Amino acid sequence: MSLRLCLFVAFASAAGCRSSNGDGARPPASVQAPTTSQRLPAESTPNERARSTARGATPSPSASEGPTAGAADTDPNNDAIVAPPDVIDGCEQALEQAKVAYRPATLPLRTQRSGAQCGAPQVVIYERGPADIRYDNPPLLTCGMALALSRFERVVQEEAERIFGLRVTRIRQMGTYACRKMVRFRMLSEHSYANAIDLEKFVLADRRVISVKEHYGGAQTDTAESRFLRTIARRAYDDAIFSVALGPPWDKLHSNHLHFDLARYRVDGTRW
């Protein structure tokens, strides 16, 4: 893997770049978190298209289109921007039209010493979506992420009914907002804007629990539970619901959850 491609991949990964033998490598210390007006150098821009081709993923059919509210950002011209998401005009009305029950919330922007900002200008507490799924803790999300989550719930129910003949009644989420850098990179995580969510477990109507840690499995695993988890994770990316989809194939830090976000770049970390 070339150094440039390695950096493309590493930027969006909480664990940095993978070498050819699958080991994680620490990113270069020279990469700094940008301010809201600062762009990353080209060598630090995540180029998912190169990565997905290398790993056999199918790029989203809308890869050439511009940003869409509540969906993956497929504009290749803004991949280098890491900052709070823009306000979406009419987003709250769109939530109501999507039959999302929510409460208005605030997450004030605050500037770190580095000049980077945490927080977001447009956030909600997501109480219930169109698929009638409960969350152990109602997630605090950007309005765009709330719209995307409502779309993802439909995928979850489609695949649960297809594979198990049952619906999902509850999802355990591990968190949305945390003002922090990525673990092995000096870049802010999309969690810093409540523009990301980590999902750990899915509970079926018969109370069966589908756990990412226990059921995602390795490359050769083929169970109903693993098919369900892999399918919803891959559709979250392939259907352009989220910009970034990461799971156990990405690194050990994601061995127990699926990470989804609406970054301005795109990364698929769902395939072995």
C-alpha atoms as a PDB file:
ATOM      1  CA  MET A   1       0.000   0.000   0.000  1.00  0.00           C
ATOM      2  CA  SER A   2       1.407   3.391  -0.945  1.00  0.00           C
ATOM      3  CA  LEU A   3       2.037   5.975   1.744  1.00  0.00           C
ATOM      4  CA  ARG A   4      -0.521   8.295   0.176  1.00  0.00           C
ATOM      5  CA  LEU A   5      -3.242   5.626   0.087  1.00  0.00           C
ATOM      6  CA  CYS A   6      -2.241   4.592   3.595  1.00  0.00           C
ATOM      7  CA  LEU A   7      -2.860   8.122   4.823  1.00  0.00           C
ATOM      8  CA  PHE A   8      -6.133   8.310   2.919  1.00  0.00           C
ATOM      9  CA  VAL A   9      -7.289   5.213   4.764  1.00  0.00           C
ATOM     10  CA  ALA A  10      -5.835   6.133   8.131  1.00  0.00           C
ATOM     11  CA  PHE A  11      -7.390   9.571   8.443  1.00  0.00           C
ATOM     12  CA  ALA A  12     -10.917   8.273   8.902  1.00  0.00           C
ATOM     13  CA  SER A  13      -9.856   5.325  11.040  1.00  0.00           C
ATOM     14  CA  ALA A  14      -9.708   5.524  14.810  1.00  0.00           C
ATOM     15  CA  ALA A  15      -6.840   3.058  14.683  1.00  0.00           C
ATOM     16  CA  GLY A  16      -4.749   4.547  11.923  1.00  0.00           C
ATOM     17  CA  CYS A  17      -3.420   2.787   8.842  1.00  0.00           C
ATOM     18  CA  ARG A  18      -3.252  -0.935   8.192  1.00  0.00           C
ATOM     19  CA  SER A  19      -0.119  -2.425   6.763  1.00  0.00           C
ATOM     20  CA  SER A  20      -0.257  -5.260   4.233  1.00  0.00           C
ATOM     21  CA  ASN A  21      -0.263  -7.826   7.051  1.00  0.00           C
ATOM     22  CA  GLY A  22      -3.248  -6.186   8.749  1.00  0.00           C
ATOM     23  CA  ASP A  23      -1.334  -4.570  11.609  1.00  0.00           C
ATOM     24  CA  GLY A  24      -2.195  -1.019  12.583  1.00  0.00           C
ATOM     25  CA  ALA A  25       0.418   1.668  12.107  1.00  0.00           C
ATOM     26  CA  ARG A  26       0.462   4.956  13.946  1.00  0.00           C
ATOM     27  CA  PRO A  27      -0.229   8.010  11.756  1.00  0.00           C
ATOM     28  CA  PRO A  28       2.448  10.640  11.268  1.00  0.00           C
ATOM     29  CA  ALA A  29       2.734  13.116  14.128  1.00  0.00           C
ATOM     30  CA  SER A  30       2.737  16.012  11.678  1.00  0.00           C
ATOM     31  CA  VAL A  31      -1.004  15.753  10.963  1.00  0.00           C
ATOM     32  CA  GLN A  32      -2.836  18.306  13.089  1.00  0.00           C
ATOM     33  CA  ALA A  33      -6.524  18.870  13.794  1.00  0.00           C
ATOM     34  CA  PRO A  34      -7.815  21.668  11.546  1.00  0.00           C
ATOM     35  CA  THR A  35      -9.708  24.731  12.571  1.00  0.00           C
ATOM     36  CA  THR A  36     -13.102  25.244  10.979  1.00  0.00           C
ATOM     37  CA  SER A  37     -11.481  27.287   8.215  1.00  0.00           C
ATOM     38  CA  GLN A  38      -8.474  25.001   7.693  1.00  0.00           C
ATOM     39  CA  ARG A  39      -8.278  22.331   5.012  1.00  0.00           C
ATOM     40  CA  LEU A  40      -6.194  19.198   5.303  1.00  0.00           C
ATOM     41  CA  PRO A  41      -3.334  18.584   2.888  1.00  0.00           C
ATOM     42  CA  ALA A  42      -4.270  16.253   0.039  1.00  0.00           C
ATOM     43  CA  GLU A  43      -2.121  13.483   1.505  1.00  0.00           C
ATOM     44  CA  SER A  44      -4.370  13.404   4.588  1.00  0.00           C
ATOM     45  CA  THR A  45      -7.682  13.322   2.737  1.00  0.00           C
ATOM     46  CA  PRO A  46      -9.606  10.049   3.106  1.00  0.00           C
ATOM     47  CA  ASN A  47     -10.139   8.643  -0.364  1.00  0.00           C
ATOM     48  CA  GLU A  48     -12.680   5.904   0.151  1.00  0.00           C
ATOM     49  CA  ARG A  49     -13.056   5.144  -3.525  1.00  0.00           C
ATOM     50  CA  ALA A  50      -9.499   3.865  -3.715  1.00  0.00           C
ATOM     51  CA  ARG A  51      -9.950   1.923  -0.499  1.00  0.00           C
ATOM     52  CA  SER A  52     -13.263   0.330  -1.475  1.00  0.00           C
ATOM     53  CA  THR A  53     -11.876  -0.724  -4.843  1.00  0.00           C
ATOM     54  CA  ALA A  54      -8.894  -2.310  -3.129  1.00  0.00           C
ATOM     55  CA  ARG A  55     -11.167  -4.233  -0.764  1.00  0.00           C
ATOM     56  CA  GLY A  56     -13.788  -5.224  -3.320  1.00  0.00           C
ATOM     57  CA  ALA A  57     -16.582  -2.944  -2.138  1.00  0.00           C
ATOM     58  CA  THR A  58     -19.139  -1.544  -4.567  1.00  0.00           C
ATOM     59  CA  PRO A  59     -19.076   2.280  -4.594  1.00  0.00           C
ATOM     60  CA  SER A  60     -22.345   4.049  -3.971  1.00  0.00           C
ATOM     61  CA  PRO A  61     -24.256   4.618  -7.215  1.00  0.00           C
ATOM     62  CA  SER A  62     -24.604   8.281  -6.248  1.00  0.00           C
ATOM     63  CA  ALA A  63     -20.861   8.822  -5.849  1.00  0.00           C
ATOM     64  CA  SER A  64     -20.847  11.721  -8.301  1.00  0.00           C
ATOM     65  CA  GLU A  65     -23.738  13.619  -6.779  1.00  0.00           C
ATOM     66  CA  GLY A  66     -23.589  16.425  -4.272  1.00  0.00           C
ATOM     67  CA  PRO A  67     -24.615  16.397  -0.609  1.00  0.00           C
ATOM     68  CA  THR A  68     -28.171  15.374   0.267  1.00  0.00           C
ATOM     69  CA  ALA A  69     -29.795  16.226   3.594  1.00  0.00           C
ATOM     70  CA  GLY A  70     -29.751  13.278   5.969  1.00  0.00           C
ATOM     71  CA  ALA A  71     -27.640  11.088   3.679  1.00  0.00           C
ATOM     72  CA  ALA A  72     -24.033  10.289   2.871  1.00  0.00           C
ATOM     73  CA  ASP A  73     -22.008  13.237   1.632  1.00  0.00           C
ATOM     74  CA  THR A  74     -20.930  12.111  -1.838  1.00  0.00           C
ATOM     75  CA  ASP A  75     -19.317  15.382  -2.900  1.00  0.00           C
ATOM     76  CA  PRO A  76     -15.631  14.546  -3.563  1.00  0.00           C
ATOM     77  CA  ASN A  77     -14.640  18.206  -3.436  1.00  0.00           C
ATOM     78  CA  ASN A  78     -15.109  18.701   0.314  1.00  0.00           C
ATOM     79  CA  ASP A  79     -13.433  15.550   1.633  1.00  0.00           C
ATOM     80  CA  ALA A  80     -10.665  17.541   3.293  1.00  0.00           C
ATOM     81  CA  ILE A  81     -12.998  19.557   5.527  1.00  0.00           C
ATOM     82  CA  VAL A  82     -13.400  18.387   9.128  1.00  0.00           C
ATOM     83  CA  ALA A  83     -15.743  20.740  10.982  1.00  0.00           C
ATOM     84  CA  PRO A  84     -19.232  20.922  12.481  1.00  0.00           C
ATOM     85  CA  PRO A  85     -21.887  20.084   9.882  1.00  0.00           C
ATOM     86  CA  ASP A  86     -23.787  22.844   8.145  1.00  0.00           C
ATOM     87  CA  VAL A  87     -27.332  23.737   9.151  1.00  0.00           C
ATOM     88  CA  ILE A  88     -29.917  21.945   7.016  1.00  0.00           C
ATOM     89  CA  ASP A  89     -32.801  24.210   6.028  1.00  0.00           C
ATOM     90  CA  GLY A  90     -36.132  22.624   6.861  1.00  0.00           C
ATOM     91  CA  CYS A  91     -34.539  19.689   8.647  1.00  0.00           C
ATOM     92  CA  GLU A  92     -36.989  19.647  11.541  1.00  0.00           C
ATOM     93  CA  GLN A  93     -39.896  19.603   9.109  1.00  0.00           C
ATOM     94  CA  ALA A  94     -38.219  16.743   7.274  1.00  0.00           C
ATOM     95  CA  LEU A  95     -38.029  14.811  10.566  1.00  0.00           C
ATOM     96  CA  GLU A  96     -41.729  15.322  11.090  1.00  0.00           C
ATOM     97  CA  GLN A  97     -42.479  14.167   7.548  1.00  0.00           C
ATOM     98  CA  ALA A  98     -40.326  11.083   8.195  1.00  0.00           C
ATOM     99  CA  LYS A  99     -42.454  10.374  11.292  1.00  0.00           C
ATOM    100  CA  VAL A 100     -39.565  10.838  13.712  1.00  0.00           C
ATOM    101  CA  ALA A 101     -40.461  11.744  17.291  1.00  0.00           C
ATOM    102  CA  TYR A 102     -37.794  14.108  18.595  1.00  0.00           C
ATOM    103  CA  ARG A 103     -37.083  16.863  21.072  1.00  0.00           C
ATOM    104  CA  PRO A 104     -35.163  20.028  20.189  1.00  0.00           C
ATOM    105  CA  ALA A 105     -31.773  20.224  21.876  1.00  0.00           C
ATOM    106  CA  THR A 106     -28.698  22.435  21.944  1.00  0.00           C
ATOM    107  CA  LEU A 107     -25.018  21.601  21.687  1.00  0.00           C
ATOM    108  CA  PRO A 108     -23.122  24.906  21.797  1.00  0.00           C
ATOM    109  CA  LEU A 109     -19.992  25.213  19.711  1.00  0.00           C
ATOM    110  CA  ARG A 110     -16.817  25.456  21.764  1.00  0.00           C
ATOM    111  CA  THR A 111     -13.308  26.011  20.521  1.00  0.00           C
ATOM    112  CA  GLN A 112     -10.378  23.901  21.685  1.00  0.00           C
ATOM    113  CA  ARG A 113      -6.869  25.237  22.179  1.00  0.00           C
ATOM    114  CA  SER A 114      -5.948  23.815  18.780  1.00  0.00           C
ATOM    115  CA  GLY A 115      -8.594  26.016  17.194  1.00  0.00           C
ATOM    116  CA  ALA A 116     -10.861  23.087  16.304  1.00  0.00           C
ATOM    117  CA  GLN A 117     -14.499  23.267  17.320  1.00  0.00           C
ATOM    118  CA  CYS A 118     -16.790  20.758  19.032  1.00  0.00           C
ATOM    119  CA  GLY A 119     -20.551  20.928  19.131  1.00  0.00           C
ATOM    120  CA  ALA A 120     -23.078  21.506  16.378  1.00  0.00           C
ATOM    121  CA  PRO A 121     -25.579  24.214  15.462  1.00  0.00           C
ATOM    122  CA  GLN A 122     -28.569  21.926  14.838  1.00  0.00           C
ATOM    123  CA  VAL A 123     -29.165  18.944  17.129  1.00  0.00           C
ATOM    124  CA  VAL A 124     -32.118  16.937  18.404  1.00  0.00           C
ATOM    125  CA  ILE A 125     -32.840  14.136  20.843  1.00  0.00           C
ATOM    126  CA  TYR A 126     -34.085  11.199  18.788  1.00  0.00           C
ATOM    127  CA  GLU A 127     -36.929   9.510  20.671  1.00  0.00           C
ATOM    128  CA  ARG A 128     -38.623   7.246  18.137  1.00  0.00           C
ATOM    129  CA  GLY A 129     -38.341   6.672  14.413  1.00  0.00           C
ATOM    130  CA  PRO A 130     -40.664   5.403  11.678  1.00  0.00           C
ATOM    131  CA  ALA A 131     -39.714   1.764  12.294  1.00  0.00           C
ATOM    132  CA  ASP A 132     -40.907   1.898  15.920  1.00  0.00           C
ATOM    133  CA  ILE A 133     -37.545   0.955  17.430  1.00  0.00           C
ATOM    134  CA  ARG A 134     -36.654   2.026  20.950  1.00  0.00           C
ATOM    135  CA  TYR A 135     -33.145   2.988  22.064  1.00  0.00           C
ATOM    136  CA  ASP A 136     -31.770   2.252  25.510  1.00  0.00           C
ATOM    137  CA  ASN A 137     -30.798   5.913  25.673  1.00  0.00           C
ATOM    138  CA  PRO A 138     -32.440   8.350  23.253  1.00  0.00           C
ATOM    139  CA  PRO A 139     -29.488   9.535  21.161  1.00  0.00           C
ATOM    140  CA  LEU A 140     -28.440  13.164  20.871  1.00  0.00           C
ATOM    141  CA  LEU A 141     -27.745  13.719  17.170  1.00  0.00           C
ATOM    142  CA  THR A 142     -27.350  16.354  14.532  1.00  0.00           C
ATOM    143  CA  CYS A 143     -30.589  16.788  12.654  1.00  0.00           C
ATOM    144  CA  GLY A 144     -28.967  15.269   9.568  1.00  0.00           C
ATOM    145  CA  MET A 145     -27.902  12.174  11.491  1.00  0.00           C
ATOM    146  CA  ALA A 146     -31.424  11.852  12.880  1.00  0.00           C
ATOM    147  CA  LEU A 147     -32.791  11.820   9.334  1.00  0.00           C
ATOM    148  CA  ALA A 148     -30.206   9.243   8.296  1.00  0.00           C
ATOM    149  CA  LEU A 149     -30.972   7.080  11.325  1.00  0.00           C
ATOM    150  CA  SER A 150     -34.649   7.034  10.396  1.00  0.00           C
ATOM    151  CA  ARG A 151     -33.681   5.681   6.963  1.00  0.00           C
ATOM    152  CA  PHE A 152     -31.336   3.131   8.501  1.00  0.00           C
ATOM    153  CA  GLU A 153     -34.123   1.822  10.748  1.00  0.00           C
ATOM    154  CA  ARG A 154     -36.109   0.835   7.671  1.00  0.00           C
ATOM    155  CA  VAL A 155     -33.137  -1.195   6.443  1.00  0.00           C
ATOM    156  CA  VAL A 156     -32.828  -2.839   9.865  1.00  0.00           C
ATOM    157  CA  GLN A 157     -36.470  -3.912   9.804  1.00  0.00           C
ATOM    158  CA  GLU A 158     -36.319  -5.105   6.204  1.00  0.00           C
ATOM    159  CA  GLU A 159     -33.350  -7.352   6.919  1.00  0.00           C
ATOM    160  CA  ALA A 160     -34.641  -8.559  10.296  1.00  0.00           C
ATOM    161  CA  GLU A 161     -37.933  -9.637   8.741  1.00  0.00           C
ATOM    162  CA  ARG A 162     -36.170 -11.241   5.778  1.00  0.00           C
ATOM    163  CA  ILE A 163     -33.618 -13.182   7.822  1.00  0.00           C
ATOM    164  CA  PHE A 164     -35.445 -13.887  11.088  1.00  0.00           C
ATOM    165  CA  GLY A 165     -39.090 -13.326  10.240  1.00  0.00           C
ATOM    166  CA  LEU A 166     -39.157 -10.890  13.157  1.00  0.00           C
ATOM    167  CA  ARG A 167     -38.832  -7.173  13.738  1.00  0.00           C
ATOM    168  CA  VAL A 168     -36.233  -5.373  15.830  1.00  0.00           C
ATOM    169  CA  THR A 169     -37.809  -3.735  18.858  1.00  0.00           C
ATOM    170  CA  ARG A 170     -34.803  -2.131  20.532  1.00  0.00           C
ATOM    171  CA  ILE A 171     -31.251  -1.017  19.794  1.00  0.00           C
ATOM    172  CA  ARG A 172     -28.526  -0.481  22.355  1.00  0.00           C
ATOM    173  CA  GLN A 173     -26.379   2.482  21.367  1.00  0.00           C
ATOM    174  CA  MET A 174     -23.012   3.231  22.959  1.00  0.00           C
ATOM    175  CA  GLY A 175     -22.874   6.967  22.405  1.00  0.00           C
ATOM    176  CA  THR A 176     -23.111   9.844  19.983  1.00  0.00           C
ATOM    177  CA  TYR A 177     -21.495  13.024  21.338  1.00  0.00           C
ATOM    178  CA  ALA A 178     -17.972  13.129  22.725  1.00  0.00           C
ATOM    179  CA  CYS A 179     -15.634  16.056  22.128  1.00  0.00           C
ATOM    180  CA  ARG A 180     -12.474  14.147  21.296  1.00  0.00           C
ATOM    181  CA  LYS A 181      -9.869  13.334  18.712  1.00  0.00           C
ATOM    182  CA  MET A 182      -9.676   9.990  16.993  1.00  0.00           C
ATOM    183  CA  VAL A 183      -7.753   7.527  19.115  1.00  0.00           C
ATOM    184  CA  ARG A 184      -4.614   7.321  16.967  1.00  0.00           C
ATOM    185  CA  PHE A 185      -5.010  10.465  14.933  1.00  0.00           C
ATOM    186  CA  ARG A 186      -4.961  14.126  15.814  1.00  0.00           C
ATOM    187  CA  MET A 187      -8.177  14.717  13.901  1.00  0.00           C
ATOM    188  CA  LEU A 188     -11.501  15.332  15.600  1.00  0.00           C
ATOM    189  CA  SER A 189     -13.962  12.478  15.461  1.00  0.00           C
ATOM    190  CA  GLU A 190     -17.437  13.087  14.035  1.00  0.00           C
ATOM    191  CA  HIS A 191     -18.575  12.221  17.557  1.00  0.00           C
ATOM    192  CA  SER A 192     -17.328  15.704  18.424  1.00  0.00           C
ATOM    193  CA  TYR A 193     -20.334  17.075  16.561  1.00  0.00           C
ATOM    194  CA  ALA A 194     -22.912  14.433  17.591  1.00  0.00           C
ATOM    195  CA  ASN A 195     -22.668  13.542  13.916  1.00  0.00           C
ATOM    196  CA  ALA A 196     -21.985   9.860  14.636  1.00  0.00           C
ATOM    197  CA  ILE A 197     -23.509   6.943  16.483  1.00  0.00           C
ATOM    198  CA  ASP A 198     -22.162   3.604  17.778  1.00  0.00           C
ATOM    199  CA  LEU A 199     -24.596   0.678  17.801  1.00  0.00           C
ATOM    200  CA  GLU A 200     -23.821  -2.363  19.939  1.00  0.00           C
ATOM    201  CA  LYS A 201     -26.853  -4.682  20.081  1.00  0.00           C
ATOM    202  CA  PHE A 202     -30.154  -5.297  18.301  1.00  0.00           C
ATOM    203  CA  VAL A 203     -33.058  -6.922  20.156  1.00  0.00           C
ATOM    204  CA  LEU A 204     -35.634  -8.915  18.205  1.00  0.00           C
ATOM    205  CA  ALA A 205     -39.340  -9.222  19.028  1.00  0.00           C
ATOM    206  CA  ASP A 206     -38.700 -12.646  20.598  1.00  0.00           C
ATOM    207  CA  ARG A 207     -36.127 -10.966  22.891  1.00  0.00           C
ATOM    208  CA  ARG A 208     -33.201 -12.543  21.088  1.00  0.00           C
ATOM    209  CA  VAL A 209     -30.163 -10.246  21.272  1.00  0.00           C
ATOM    210  CA  ILE A 210     -27.938  -9.810  18.218  1.00  0.00           C
ATOM    211  CA  SER A 211     -24.569  -8.535  19.430  1.00  0.00           C
ATOM    212  CA  VAL A 212     -21.901  -7.074  17.170  1.00  0.00           C
ATOM    213  CA  LYS A 213     -19.168  -8.432  19.428  1.00  0.00           C
ATOM    214  CA  GLU A 214     -20.589 -11.944  19.598  1.00  0.00           C
ATOM    215  CA  HIS A 215     -22.212 -12.369  16.208  1.00  0.00           C
ATOM    216  CA  TYR A 216     -20.485 -10.307  13.500  1.00  0.00           C
ATOM    217  CA  GLY A 217     -17.928 -13.089  13.187  1.00  0.00           C
ATOM    218  CA  GLY A 218     -14.819 -13.532  11.081  1.00  0.00           C
ATOM    219  CA  ALA A 219     -14.442 -13.626   7.330  1.00  0.00           C
ATOM    220  CA  GLN A 220     -15.730 -17.215   7.067  1.00  0.00           C
ATOM    221  CA  THR A 221     -18.608 -16.927   9.535  1.00  0.00           C
ATOM    222  CA  ASP A 222     -22.024 -17.641   8.030  1.00  0.00           C
ATOM    223  CA  THR A 223     -24.843 -17.540  10.551  1.00  0.00           C
ATOM    224  CA  ALA A 224     -28.190 -15.777  10.439  1.00  0.00           C
ATOM    225  CA  GLU A 225     -26.918 -13.306  13.018  1.00  0.00           C
ATOM    226  CA  SER A 226     -23.720 -12.536  11.122  1.00  0.00           C
ATOM    227  CA  ARG A 227     -25.613 -12.148   7.835  1.00  0.00           C
ATOM    228  CA  PHE A 228     -27.987  -9.713   9.479  1.00  0.00           C
ATOM    229  CA  LEU A 229     -25.241  -7.560  10.987  1.00  0.00           C
ATOM    230  CA  ARG A 230     -23.086  -7.543   7.875  1.00  0.00           C
ATOM    231  CA  THR A 231     -25.993  -6.782   5.584  1.00  0.00           C
ATOM    232  CA  ILE A 232     -27.278  -3.814   7.557  1.00  0.00           C
ATOM    233  CA  ALA A 233     -23.746  -2.464   7.995  1.00  0.00           C
ATOM    234  CA  ARG A 234     -22.967  -2.751   4.285  1.00  0.00           C
ATOM    235  CA  ARG A 235     -26.314  -1.343   3.203  1.00  0.00           C
ATOM    236  CA  ALA A 236     -25.737   1.613   5.509  1.00  0.00           C
ATOM    237  CA  TYR A 237     -22.777   2.430   3.287  1.00  0.00           C
ATOM    238  CA  ASP A 238     -23.876   1.083  -0.111  1.00  0.00           C
ATOM    239  CA  ASP A 239     -27.297   2.748   0.064  1.00  0.00           C
ATOM    240  CA  ALA A 240     -25.562   6.058   0.900  1.00  0.00           C
ATOM    241  CA  ILE A 241     -27.379   6.342   4.228  1.00  0.00           C
ATOM    242  CA  PHE A 242     -24.180   7.246   6.082  1.00  0.00           C
ATOM    243  CA  SER A 243     -20.868   8.563   4.793  1.00  0.00           C
ATOM    244  CA  VAL A 244     -18.818   6.265   7.005  1.00  0.00           C
ATOM    245  CA  ALA A 245     -19.644   2.732   8.141  1.00  0.00           C
ATOM    246  CA  LEU A 246     -17.156   0.861  10.318  1.00  0.00           C
ATOM    247  CA  GLY A 247     -17.342  -2.477  12.120  1.00  0.00           C
ATOM    248  CA  PRO A 248     -15.166  -5.377  13.303  1.00  0.00           C
ATOM    249  CA  PRO A 249     -13.404  -5.743   9.923  1.00  0.00           C
ATOM    250  CA  TRP A 250     -11.984  -2.231  10.335  1.00  0.00           C
ATOM    251  CA  ASP A 251      -9.976  -2.661  13.547  1.00  0.00           C
ATOM    252  CA  LYS A 252     -10.095  -3.961  17.109  1.00  0.00           C
ATOM    253  CA  LEU A 253     -11.529  -0.692  18.384  1.00  0.00           C
ATOM    254  CA  HIS A 254     -14.712  -1.508  16.468  1.00  0.00           C
ATOM    255  CA  SER A 255     -14.903  -5.161  17.482  1.00  0.00           C
ATOM    256  CA  ASN A 256     -18.022  -4.587  19.584  1.00  0.00           C
ATOM    257  CA  HIS A 257     -20.022  -2.002  17.654  1.00  0.00           C
ATOM    258  CA  LEU A 258     -21.011  -0.527  14.318  1.00  0.00           C
ATOM    259  CA  HIS A 259     -19.953   3.073  13.852  1.00  0.00           C
ATOM    260  CA  PHE A 260     -21.907   5.291  11.460  1.00  0.00           C
ATOM    261  CA  ASP A 261     -21.389   8.974  10.740  1.00  0.00           C
ATOM    262  CA  LEU A 262     -22.016  11.744   8.221  1.00  0.00           C
ATOM    263  CA  ALA A 263     -18.475  12.973   7.660  1.00  0.00           C
ATOM    264  CA  ARG A 264     -17.762  14.898   4.490  1.00  0.00           C
ATOM    265  CA  TYR A 265     -15.488  12.047   3.327  1.00  0.00           C
ATOM    266  CA  ARG A 266     -16.536   8.445   2.707  1.00  0.00           C
ATOM    267  CA  VAL A 267     -15.069   5.255   4.216  1.00  0.00           C
ATOM    268  CA  ASP A 268     -16.362   1.678   4.110  1.00  0.00           C
ATOM    269  CA  GLY A 269     -15.027  -0.485   6.963  1.00  0.00           C
ATOM    270  CA  THR A 270     -17.626  -3.269   6.894  1.00  0.00           C
ATOM    271  CA  ARG A 271     -15.960  -5.900   4.704  1.00  0.00           C
ATOM    272  CA  TRP A 272     -13.253  -8.372   5.561  1.00  0.00           C
END
